[in-house]
Amino acid sequence: MNKLTNLFGKIKNVNDEMFLKVEKITIVNKSKIYIQNYGELHEINDDMIKLSNMTITGKNLKIMTISKYFLEVTGMIFSVNFRGDMNEEKG
């Protein structure tokens, strides 16, 4: 029992900051995605949303919710390209 208590004690001490730099993308369907820890918002229009590490392309794209760590995107989502992907536009 003591080993189990020590294990949970170590887990409780894990610093949340180590997770804040990791992007987490939840795709609900073709028209809604959630992005946690998205970095910076560089560009937005009806056909593209460009973030620090990814580009979302589609039609009628809108940011429905935005906070420091969370972004909700709706519209007809065609693709999500990550920085360094071969299909990403240069620029």
Protein backbone atom coordinates (compact mmCIF):
# COMPACT_ATOMS: atom_id res chain seq x y z
CA MET A 1 0.00 0.00 0.00
CA ASN A 2 2.91 2.33 0.74
CA LYS A 3 4.23 1.95 -2.85
CA LEU A 4 0.83 2.94 -4.23
CA THR A 5 0.70 6.03 -2.01
CA ASN A 6 4.19 7.04 -3.17
CA LEU A 7 3.15 6.62 -6.80
CA PHE A 8 0.10 8.87 -6.42
CA GLY A 9 2.19 11.39 -4.50
CA LYS A 10 4.58 11.62 -7.47
CA ILE A 11 1.71 11.97 -9.93
CA LYS A 12 0.21 14.83 -7.91
CA ASN A 13 3.51 16.66 -8.09
CA VAL A 14 3.65 16.61 -11.91
CA ASN A 15 3.77 20.23 -13.00
CA ASP A 16 0.96 21.31 -15.36
CA GLU A 17 3.41 23.53 -17.23
CA MET A 18 4.91 20.55 -19.01
CA PHE A 19 1.55 19.97 -20.69
CA LEU A 20 0.95 23.61 -21.66
CA LYS A 21 3.40 23.46 -24.57
CA VAL A 22 1.75 20.43 -26.16
CA GLU A 23 -0.99 21.04 -28.71
CA LYS A 24 -4.07 18.88 -28.38
CA ILE A 25 -6.54 18.76 -31.25
CA THR A 26 -10.02 17.34 -30.86
CA ILE A 27 -11.90 16.81 -34.11
CA VAL A 28 -15.62 16.66 -33.36
CA ASN A 29 -16.70 16.33 -37.01
CA LYS A 30 -15.99 17.96 -40.40
CA SER A 31 -17.31 21.27 -39.13
CA LYS A 32 -15.87 21.66 -35.62
CA ILE A 33 -12.45 21.26 -34.02
CA TYR A 34 -11.00 22.28 -30.68
CA ILE A 35 -7.33 23.16 -30.27
CA GLN A 36 -5.65 23.47 -26.89
CA ASN A 37 -2.29 25.23 -26.48
CA TYR A 38 -2.44 26.59 -30.02
CA GLY A 39 0.36 29.15 -29.69
CA GLU A 40 -0.19 32.36 -31.65
CA LEU A 41 -2.88 33.27 -34.16
CA HIS A 42 -1.11 34.66 -37.25
CA GLU A 43 -3.84 35.01 -39.87
CA ILE A 44 -7.56 34.43 -40.21
CA ASN A 45 -10.02 34.65 -43.09
CA ASP A 46 -13.00 32.65 -44.38
CA ASP A 47 -10.77 30.06 -46.07
CA MET A 48 -7.76 29.78 -43.74
CA ILE A 49 -6.71 30.08 -40.12
CA LYS A 50 -2.94 30.17 -39.64
CA LEU A 51 -1.56 29.40 -36.18
CA SER A 52 2.03 29.11 -34.95
CA ASN A 53 2.39 25.44 -35.78
CA MET A 54 -0.53 24.64 -38.08
CA THR A 55 -2.79 25.91 -40.84
CA ILE A 56 -6.49 25.06 -41.05
CA THR A 57 -8.10 25.36 -44.48
CA GLY A 58 -11.76 25.21 -45.37
CA LYS A 59 -14.78 27.33 -46.16
CA ASN A 60 -16.70 29.75 -43.93
CA LEU A 61 -14.18 29.22 -41.11
CA LYS A 62 -14.92 31.04 -37.88
CA ILE A 63 -13.37 31.14 -34.45
CA MET A 64 -16.31 30.60 -32.12
CA THR A 65 -14.38 30.55 -28.84
CA ILE A 66 -10.92 31.82 -28.06
CA SER A 67 -8.92 32.03 -24.84
CA LYS A 68 -5.26 31.99 -23.93
CA TYR A 69 -5.06 28.18 -24.14
CA PHE A 70 -8.14 27.13 -26.14
CA LEU A 71 -9.56 27.72 -29.61
CA GLU A 72 -12.82 26.47 -31.17
CA VAL A 73 -13.03 26.55 -34.97
CA THR A 74 -16.22 25.93 -36.97
CA GLY A 75 -17.00 25.84 -40.69
CA MET A 76 -16.37 23.37 -43.50
CA ILE A 77 -12.92 22.10 -42.51
CA PHE A 78 -10.95 20.61 -45.39
CA SER A 79 -7.53 20.09 -43.82
CA VAL A 80 -5.24 20.71 -40.87
CA ASN A 81 -1.59 21.00 -41.93
CA PHE A 82 1.21 21.11 -39.41
CA ARG A 83 4.31 23.24 -39.84
CA GLY A 84 6.79 21.23 -41.82
CA ASP A 85 4.11 19.29 -43.76
CA MET A 86 4.95 18.99 -47.44
CA ASN A 87 1.45 20.22 -48.41
CA GLU A 88 1.68 23.46 -46.41
CA GLU A 89 1.91 26.64 -48.46
CA LYS A 90 5.15 28.56 -48.20
CA GLY A 91 4.91 32.08 -46.89
